Amino acid sequence: MDKQWVVFSHEEGLIGIFDNYDEALKEYKDSKDAYENYVYENGEHDPNEDIILAAINKRFYSYDTKNPTEDSATTTYWDFKEDCFSLNPIPLPTIKPGDKVYSVGWYCSICNVNVSPQHVTYQEEHDVRAGGCGGHVEWMEVSHD
């Protein structure tokens, strides 16, 4: 898991935690559209309403270890876990391999970001030691169309 995204609403609270940016963006847009439709149809508006799509940098939670306790075959142990994610910028959905771009450099389609040459390994991967995802990067060149 390279990155997680959260969608939150003042009215609904936590809407969801997503491993995929496109799924989180869809949920954000759906929530925003639903709220706008509600306001237009009912004429009610809450000035405190916020709908937020944000990258998660750290997440602390409990989880079921699936290890049964000694005294019961149906009861399992739980533990805490903390996930720490890369601090890469939010993906730019308009840039994709094959698109016409106006820069030269490395591009990671998993993170959807341009990657500094210092963060590319000899295997042409987004260097995890520099906060990258470890995925393949592609060389993008200038287009003058």
N, C-alpha and C. Protein backbone atom coordinates (compact mmCIF):
# COMPACT_ATOMS: atom_id res chain seq x y z
N MET A 1 0.86 -1.16 0.00
CA MET A 1 0.00 0.00 0.00
C MET A 1 0.91 1.23 0.00
N ASP A 2 0.86 2.01 -1.07
CA ASP A 2 1.74 3.16 -1.22
C ASP A 2 1.15 4.44 -0.68
N LYS A 3 -0.15 4.58 -0.74
CA LYS A 3 -0.80 5.83 -0.35
C LYS A 3 -2.26 5.52 -0.04
N GLN A 4 -2.82 6.29 0.87
CA GLN A 4 -4.25 6.20 1.13
C GLN A 4 -4.84 7.59 1.10
N TRP A 5 -6.12 7.64 0.82
CA TRP A 5 -6.86 8.89 0.69
C TRP A 5 -8.09 8.83 1.57
N VAL A 6 -8.48 9.96 2.15
CA VAL A 6 -9.65 10.02 3.00
C VAL A 6 -10.63 11.04 2.43
N VAL A 7 -11.91 10.68 2.49
CA VAL A 7 -12.98 11.62 2.14
C VAL A 7 -13.78 11.83 3.42
N PHE A 8 -13.97 13.10 3.78
CA PHE A 8 -14.61 13.48 5.03
C PHE A 8 -15.62 14.58 4.76
N SER A 9 -16.73 14.52 5.47
CA SER A 9 -17.77 15.53 5.34
C SER A 9 -18.16 16.02 6.73
N HIS A 10 -18.40 17.31 6.86
CA HIS A 10 -18.86 17.87 8.13
C HIS A 10 -20.14 17.19 8.57
N GLU A 11 -21.04 16.97 7.64
CA GLU A 11 -22.35 16.38 7.95
C GLU A 11 -22.27 14.88 8.20
N GLU A 12 -21.54 14.15 7.34
CA GLU A 12 -21.51 12.69 7.39
C GLU A 12 -20.37 12.13 8.22
N GLY A 13 -19.34 12.94 8.48
CA GLY A 13 -18.15 12.42 9.15
C GLY A 13 -17.27 11.70 8.15
N LEU A 14 -16.62 10.64 8.61
CA LEU A 14 -15.74 9.87 7.73
C LEU A 14 -16.58 9.14 6.69
N ILE A 15 -16.36 9.47 5.43
CA ILE A 15 -17.08 8.81 4.34
C ILE A 15 -16.33 7.56 3.91
N GLY A 16 -15.00 7.64 3.86
CA GLY A 16 -14.25 6.45 3.48
C GLY A 16 -12.77 6.68 3.44
N ILE A 17 -12.02 5.58 3.54
CA ILE A 17 -10.57 5.56 3.37
C ILE A 17 -10.31 4.68 2.16
N PHE A 18 -9.52 5.19 1.23
CA PHE A 18 -9.33 4.53 -0.07
C PHE A 18 -7.85 4.31 -0.37
N ASP A 19 -7.55 3.17 -0.98
CA ASP A 19 -6.19 2.89 -1.45
C ASP A 19 -5.96 3.44 -2.84
N ASN A 20 -7.04 3.79 -3.53
CA ASN A 20 -6.96 4.24 -4.91
C ASN A 20 -7.45 5.68 -5.02
N TYR A 21 -6.62 6.56 -5.59
CA TYR A 21 -6.97 7.98 -5.69
C TYR A 21 -8.21 8.19 -6.54
N ASP A 22 -8.34 7.48 -7.66
CA ASP A 22 -9.49 7.67 -8.53
C ASP A 22 -10.80 7.31 -7.83
N GLU A 23 -10.78 6.25 -7.01
CA GLU A 23 -11.97 5.88 -6.24
C GLU A 23 -12.31 6.97 -5.21
N ALA A 24 -11.27 7.49 -4.55
CA ALA A 24 -11.49 8.56 -3.56
C ALA A 24 -12.03 9.82 -4.25
N LEU A 25 -11.48 10.15 -5.40
CA LEU A 25 -11.93 11.32 -6.13
C LEU A 25 -13.39 11.16 -6.57
N LYS A 26 -13.75 9.96 -7.01
CA LYS A 26 -15.15 9.70 -7.40
C LYS A 26 -16.08 9.88 -6.20
N GLU A 27 -15.70 9.34 -5.05
CA GLU A 27 -16.53 9.47 -3.84
C GLU A 27 -16.65 10.94 -3.43
N TYR A 28 -15.55 11.67 -3.53
CA TYR A 28 -15.57 13.11 -3.22
C TYR A 28 -16.55 13.84 -4.14
N LYS A 29 -16.44 13.58 -5.44
CA LYS A 29 -17.33 14.24 -6.41
C LYS A 29 -18.78 13.85 -6.19
N ASP A 30 -19.03 12.56 -5.93
CA ASP A 30 -20.39 12.09 -5.68
C ASP A 30 -20.97 12.77 -4.44
N SER A 31 -20.17 12.90 -3.38
CA SER A 31 -20.63 13.54 -2.15
C SER A 31 -20.90 15.02 -2.38
N LYS A 32 -20.03 15.66 -3.12
CA LYS A 32 -20.20 17.08 -3.43
C LYS A 32 -21.47 17.30 -4.26
N ASP A 33 -21.66 16.47 -5.29
CA ASP A 33 -22.86 16.58 -6.12
C ASP A 33 -24.13 16.32 -5.33
N ALA A 34 -24.09 15.31 -4.44
CA ALA A 34 -25.26 15.00 -3.63
C ALA A 34 -25.62 16.16 -2.71
N TYR A 35 -24.60 16.80 -2.14
CA TYR A 35 -24.88 17.94 -1.26
C TYR A 35 -25.44 19.12 -2.05
N GLU A 36 -24.85 19.41 -3.20
CA GLU A 36 -25.36 20.50 -4.04
C GLU A 36 -26.81 20.23 -4.44
N ASN A 37 -27.11 18.99 -4.85
CA ASN A 37 -28.48 18.64 -5.23
C ASN A 37 -29.43 18.80 -4.05
N TYR A 38 -29.00 18.40 -2.86
CA TYR A 38 -29.84 18.54 -1.68
C TYR A 38 -30.17 20.01 -1.42
N VAL A 39 -29.17 20.87 -1.51
CA VAL A 39 -29.38 22.31 -1.28
C VAL A 39 -30.35 22.87 -2.31
N TYR A 40 -30.15 22.54 -3.59
CA TYR A 40 -31.02 23.07 -4.65
C TYR A 40 -32.45 22.55 -4.53
N GLU A 41 -32.61 21.28 -4.16
CA GLU A 41 -33.95 20.68 -4.07
C GLU A 41 -34.70 21.09 -2.81
N ASN A 42 -33.99 21.29 -1.69
CA ASN A 42 -34.64 21.54 -0.41
C ASN A 42 -34.50 22.98 0.07
N GLY A 43 -33.64 23.75 -0.57
CA GLY A 43 -33.46 25.13 -0.15
C GLY A 43 -32.80 25.29 1.21
N GLU A 44 -32.21 24.22 1.74
CA GLU A 44 -31.53 24.27 3.03
C GLU A 44 -30.03 24.24 2.79
N HIS A 45 -29.32 25.06 3.58
CA HIS A 45 -27.87 25.14 3.42
C HIS A 45 -27.22 25.23 4.79
N ASP A 46 -26.19 24.44 5.02
CA ASP A 46 -25.41 24.50 6.25
C ASP A 46 -24.09 25.19 5.92
N PRO A 47 -23.86 26.40 6.43
CA PRO A 47 -22.62 27.10 6.08
C PRO A 47 -21.37 26.40 6.61
N ASN A 48 -21.52 25.44 7.50
CA ASN A 48 -20.37 24.71 8.03
C ASN A 48 -20.02 23.48 7.20
N GLU A 49 -20.81 23.18 6.19
CA GLU A 49 -20.58 21.96 5.42
C GLU A 49 -19.27 22.06 4.64
N ASP A 50 -18.42 21.10 4.87
CA ASP A 50 -17.18 20.93 4.13
C ASP A 50 -17.13 19.49 3.67
N ILE A 51 -16.65 19.27 2.46
CA ILE A 51 -16.37 17.92 1.98
C ILE A 51 -14.91 17.94 1.58
N ILE A 52 -14.14 17.03 2.15
CA ILE A 52 -12.68 17.07 2.03
C ILE A 52 -12.16 15.78 1.42
N LEU A 53 -11.25 15.92 0.47
CA LEU A 53 -10.46 14.80 -0.07
C LEU A 53 -9.02 15.11 0.30
N ALA A 54 -8.39 14.24 1.07
CA ALA A 54 -7.03 14.51 1.52
C ALA A 54 -6.19 13.24 1.49
N ALA A 55 -4.89 13.43 1.27
CA ALA A 55 -3.94 12.32 1.35
C ALA A 55 -3.66 12.04 2.82
N ILE A 56 -3.53 10.78 3.15
CA ILE A 56 -3.20 10.38 4.51
C ILE A 56 -1.69 10.20 4.59
N ASN A 57 -1.05 10.87 5.53
CA ASN A 57 0.39 10.71 5.72
C ASN A 57 0.69 9.66 6.78
N LYS A 58 -0.13 9.61 7.83
CA LYS A 58 0.01 8.59 8.86
C LYS A 58 -1.37 8.14 9.29
N ARG A 59 -1.47 6.84 9.62
CA ARG A 59 -2.74 6.28 10.08
C ARG A 59 -2.46 5.27 11.17
N PHE A 60 -3.07 5.46 12.34
CA PHE A 60 -2.91 4.57 13.49
C PHE A 60 -4.26 3.92 13.77
N TYR A 61 -4.29 2.60 13.89
CA TYR A 61 -5.55 1.90 14.07
C TYR A 61 -5.31 0.53 14.71
N SER A 62 -6.39 -0.09 15.20
CA SER A 62 -6.30 -1.45 15.72
C SER A 62 -6.78 -2.41 14.64
N TYR A 63 -6.33 -3.65 14.73
CA TYR A 63 -6.73 -4.65 13.75
C TYR A 63 -6.75 -6.04 14.39
N ASP A 64 -7.50 -6.93 13.80
CA ASP A 64 -7.60 -8.31 14.25
C ASP A 64 -6.39 -9.08 13.70
N THR A 65 -5.60 -9.70 14.60
CA THR A 65 -4.41 -10.44 14.16
C THR A 65 -4.75 -11.79 13.55
N LYS A 66 -6.00 -12.26 13.73
CA LYS A 66 -6.46 -13.58 13.26
C LYS A 66 -5.80 -14.72 14.03
N ASN A 67 -5.04 -14.41 15.09
CA ASN A 67 -4.42 -15.43 15.93
C ASN A 67 -5.38 -15.77 17.07
N PRO A 68 -5.83 -17.01 17.16
CA PRO A 68 -6.78 -17.37 18.22
C PRO A 68 -6.14 -17.30 19.61
N THR A 69 -6.94 -16.91 20.59
CA THR A 69 -6.47 -16.92 21.97
C THR A 69 -6.39 -18.36 22.45
N GLU A 70 -5.63 -18.58 23.55
CA GLU A 70 -5.45 -19.93 24.07
C GLU A 70 -6.74 -20.52 24.64
N ASP A 71 -7.62 -19.66 25.17
CA ASP A 71 -8.82 -20.14 25.84
C ASP A 71 -10.06 -20.23 24.95
N SER A 72 -9.96 -19.80 23.69
CA SER A 72 -11.14 -19.85 22.83
C SER A 72 -10.72 -19.93 21.36
N ALA A 73 -11.34 -20.86 20.65
CA ALA A 73 -11.04 -21.02 19.22
C ALA A 73 -11.71 -19.94 18.38
N THR A 74 -12.72 -19.29 18.95
CA THR A 74 -13.45 -18.27 18.18
C THR A 74 -13.02 -16.84 18.50
N THR A 75 -12.25 -16.65 19.56
CA THR A 75 -11.76 -15.33 19.94
C THR A 75 -10.33 -15.16 19.45
N THR A 76 -10.02 -14.00 18.88
CA THR A 76 -8.68 -13.75 18.37
C THR A 76 -8.08 -12.53 19.05
N TYR A 77 -6.76 -12.45 18.97
CA TYR A 77 -6.05 -11.30 19.51
C TYR A 77 -6.16 -10.12 18.56
N TRP A 78 -6.02 -8.91 19.09
CA TRP A 78 -5.95 -7.70 18.28
C TRP A 78 -4.68 -6.98 18.64
N ASP A 79 -4.27 -6.06 17.80
CA ASP A 79 -3.05 -5.29 18.03
C ASP A 79 -3.21 -3.93 17.35
N PHE A 80 -2.25 -3.05 17.59
CA PHE A 80 -2.24 -1.74 16.94
C PHE A 80 -1.27 -1.76 15.77
N LYS A 81 -1.55 -0.89 14.81
CA LYS A 81 -0.68 -0.75 13.65
C LYS A 81 -0.65 0.71 13.24
N GLU A 82 0.50 1.16 12.75
CA GLU A 82 0.61 2.51 12.20
C GLU A 82 1.17 2.40 10.80
N ASP A 83 0.46 2.98 9.84
CA ASP A 83 0.94 3.05 8.46
C ASP A 83 1.49 4.45 8.22
N CYS A 84 2.64 4.53 7.60
CA CYS A 84 3.23 5.82 7.21
C CYS A 84 3.35 5.80 5.69
N PHE A 85 2.93 6.87 5.07
CA PHE A 85 2.88 6.93 3.62
C PHE A 85 3.84 7.97 3.09
N SER A 86 4.19 7.83 1.84
CA SER A 86 5.05 8.77 1.13
C SER A 86 4.42 10.16 1.16
N LEU A 87 5.24 11.17 1.19
CA LEU A 87 4.75 12.55 1.17
C LEU A 87 4.76 13.12 -0.25
N ASN A 88 4.57 12.24 -1.25
CA ASN A 88 4.50 12.73 -2.63
C ASN A 88 3.33 13.68 -2.78
N PRO A 89 3.42 14.64 -3.69
CA PRO A 89 2.30 15.56 -3.89
C PRO A 89 1.07 14.83 -4.42
N ILE A 90 -0.06 15.49 -4.32
CA ILE A 90 -1.30 14.93 -4.84
C ILE A 90 -1.15 14.70 -6.34
N PRO A 91 -1.61 13.57 -6.83
CA PRO A 91 -1.47 13.28 -8.26
C PRO A 91 -2.10 14.34 -9.15
N LEU A 92 -1.49 14.52 -10.30
CA LEU A 92 -2.03 15.43 -11.30
C LEU A 92 -2.74 14.59 -12.34
N PRO A 93 -4.06 14.50 -12.31
CA PRO A 93 -4.77 13.56 -13.18
C PRO A 93 -4.71 13.91 -14.66
N THR A 94 -4.23 15.09 -15.03
CA THR A 94 -4.20 15.47 -16.44
C THR A 94 -2.95 14.98 -17.15
N ILE A 95 -1.95 14.48 -16.43
CA ILE A 95 -0.71 14.04 -17.06
C ILE A 95 -0.66 12.52 -17.04
N LYS A 96 -0.58 11.92 -18.23
CA LYS A 96 -0.51 10.47 -18.34
C LYS A 96 0.52 10.12 -19.41
N PRO A 97 1.13 8.93 -19.33
CA PRO A 97 2.07 8.53 -20.38
C PRO A 97 1.39 8.60 -21.74
N GLY A 98 2.07 9.17 -22.70
CA GLY A 98 1.52 9.32 -24.04
C GLY A 98 0.85 10.66 -24.26
N ASP A 99 0.49 11.37 -23.18
CA ASP A 99 -0.09 12.71 -23.33
C ASP A 99 0.97 13.67 -23.85
N LYS A 100 0.53 14.73 -24.47
CA LYS A 100 1.45 15.77 -24.90
C LYS A 100 1.83 16.59 -23.68
N VAL A 101 3.11 16.63 -23.39
CA VAL A 101 3.60 17.37 -22.22
C VAL A 101 4.59 18.42 -22.69
N TYR A 102 4.84 19.37 -21.84
CA TYR A 102 5.75 20.45 -22.18
C TYR A 102 6.93 20.50 -21.24
N SER A 103 7.42 19.33 -20.91
CA SER A 103 8.62 19.22 -20.09
C SER A 103 9.31 17.92 -20.43
N VAL A 104 10.54 17.78 -19.99
CA VAL A 104 11.30 16.57 -20.20
C VAL A 104 11.65 16.02 -18.83
N GLY A 105 11.46 14.73 -18.63
CA GLY A 105 11.83 14.15 -17.35
C GLY A 105 11.15 12.83 -17.10
N TRP A 106 11.38 12.32 -15.93
CA TRP A 106 10.83 11.04 -15.52
C TRP A 106 9.42 11.24 -14.99
N TYR A 107 8.56 10.24 -15.23
CA TYR A 107 7.16 10.30 -14.80
C TYR A 107 6.76 8.96 -14.19
N CYS A 108 6.10 9.00 -13.01
CA CYS A 108 5.59 7.79 -12.35
C CYS A 108 4.08 7.75 -12.53
N SER A 109 3.59 6.76 -13.27
CA SER A 109 2.14 6.67 -13.51
C SER A 109 1.39 6.18 -12.28
N ILE A 110 2.05 5.50 -11.36
CA ILE A 110 1.40 5.03 -10.14
C ILE A 110 1.10 6.23 -9.23
N CYS A 111 2.10 7.08 -9.02
CA CYS A 111 1.93 8.27 -8.18
C CYS A 111 1.36 9.44 -8.98
N ASN A 112 1.42 9.33 -10.30
CA ASN A 112 0.94 10.36 -11.20
C ASN A 112 1.67 11.68 -10.98
N VAL A 113 3.01 11.59 -10.88
CA VAL A 113 3.83 12.78 -10.66
C VAL A 113 5.09 12.71 -11.52
N ASN A 114 5.63 13.90 -11.80
CA ASN A 114 6.96 13.96 -12.38
C ASN A 114 7.96 13.65 -11.28
N VAL A 115 9.01 12.90 -11.62
CA VAL A 115 9.96 12.43 -10.62
C VAL A 115 11.34 13.03 -10.91
N SER A 116 11.95 13.58 -9.89
CA SER A 116 13.31 14.12 -10.00
C SER A 116 14.27 12.99 -10.36
N PRO A 117 15.27 13.26 -11.21
CA PRO A 117 16.23 12.21 -11.58
C PRO A 117 16.92 11.57 -10.37
N GLN A 118 17.10 12.33 -9.29
CA GLN A 118 17.72 11.78 -8.09
C GLN A 118 16.85 10.72 -7.42
N HIS A 119 15.57 10.68 -7.78
CA HIS A 119 14.64 9.73 -7.17
C HIS A 119 14.28 8.58 -8.10
N VAL A 120 15.13 8.36 -9.13
CA VAL A 120 14.95 7.25 -10.08
C VAL A 120 16.12 6.30 -9.91
N THR A 121 15.82 4.99 -9.75
CA THR A 121 16.89 4.00 -9.61
C THR A 121 17.44 3.60 -10.98
N TYR A 122 18.53 2.85 -10.97
CA TYR A 122 19.09 2.35 -12.23
C TYR A 122 18.13 1.40 -12.94
N GLN A 123 17.20 0.82 -12.19
CA GLN A 123 16.20 -0.08 -12.77
C GLN A 123 15.00 0.71 -13.29
N GLU A 124 15.10 2.03 -13.31
CA GLU A 124 14.03 2.93 -13.75
C GLU A 124 12.78 2.74 -12.90
N GLU A 125 12.98 2.79 -11.58
CA GLU A 125 11.89 2.70 -10.62
C GLU A 125 11.88 3.95 -9.74
N HIS A 126 10.72 4.29 -9.24
CA HIS A 126 10.53 5.42 -8.34
C HIS A 126 11.12 5.02 -6.98
N ASP A 127 12.27 5.59 -6.62
CA ASP A 127 13.08 5.15 -5.48
C ASP A 127 12.32 5.26 -4.16
N VAL A 128 12.11 4.11 -3.49
CA VAL A 128 11.39 4.11 -2.20
C VAL A 128 12.21 4.79 -1.11
N ARG A 129 13.53 4.82 -1.25
CA ARG A 129 14.38 5.48 -0.24
C ARG A 129 14.16 6.99 -0.23
N ALA A 130 13.60 7.51 -1.31
CA ALA A 130 13.32 8.94 -1.40
C ALA A 130 11.82 9.22 -1.28
N GLY A 131 11.07 8.25 -0.76
CA GLY A 131 9.63 8.44 -0.59
C GLY A 131 8.82 8.01 -1.79
N GLY A 132 9.45 7.39 -2.79
CA GLY A 132 8.73 6.93 -3.97
C GLY A 132 7.99 5.63 -3.72
N CYS A 133 7.24 5.20 -4.73
CA CYS A 133 6.38 4.02 -4.58
C CYS A 133 7.07 2.72 -4.99
N GLY A 134 8.22 2.79 -5.66
CA GLY A 134 8.90 1.59 -6.13
C GLY A 134 8.44 1.14 -7.51
N GLY A 135 7.46 1.84 -8.06
CA GLY A 135 6.92 1.48 -9.37
C GLY A 135 7.80 1.95 -10.52
N HIS A 136 7.50 1.44 -11.71
CA HIS A 136 8.25 1.80 -12.92
C HIS A 136 8.01 3.27 -13.28
N VAL A 137 9.08 3.95 -13.73
CA VAL A 137 8.96 5.33 -14.21
C VAL A 137 9.27 5.35 -15.71
N GLU A 138 8.69 6.32 -16.40
CA GLU A 138 8.91 6.45 -17.84
C GLU A 138 9.53 7.80 -18.15
N TRP A 139 10.32 7.85 -19.21
CA TRP A 139 10.92 9.10 -19.66
C TRP A 139 9.92 9.82 -20.55
N MET A 140 9.59 11.06 -20.20
CA MET A 140 8.62 11.85 -20.97
C MET A 140 9.40 12.98 -21.66
N GLU A 141 9.03 13.27 -22.91
CA GLU A 141 9.73 14.31 -23.66
C GLU A 141 8.78 15.39 -24.12
N VAL A 142 9.35 16.54 -24.48
CA VAL A 142 8.59 17.71 -24.90
C VAL A 142 7.84 17.41 -26.19
N SER A 143 6.62 17.93 -26.27
CA SER A 143 5.83 17.86 -27.48
C SER A 143 5.51 19.29 -27.93
N HIS A 144 5.64 19.56 -29.21
CA HIS A 144 5.41 20.93 -29.71
C HIS A 144 4.19 21.02 -30.62
N ASP A 145 3.18 20.19 -30.39
CA ASP A 145 1.98 20.25 -31.24
C ASP A 145 1.02 21.29 -30.75
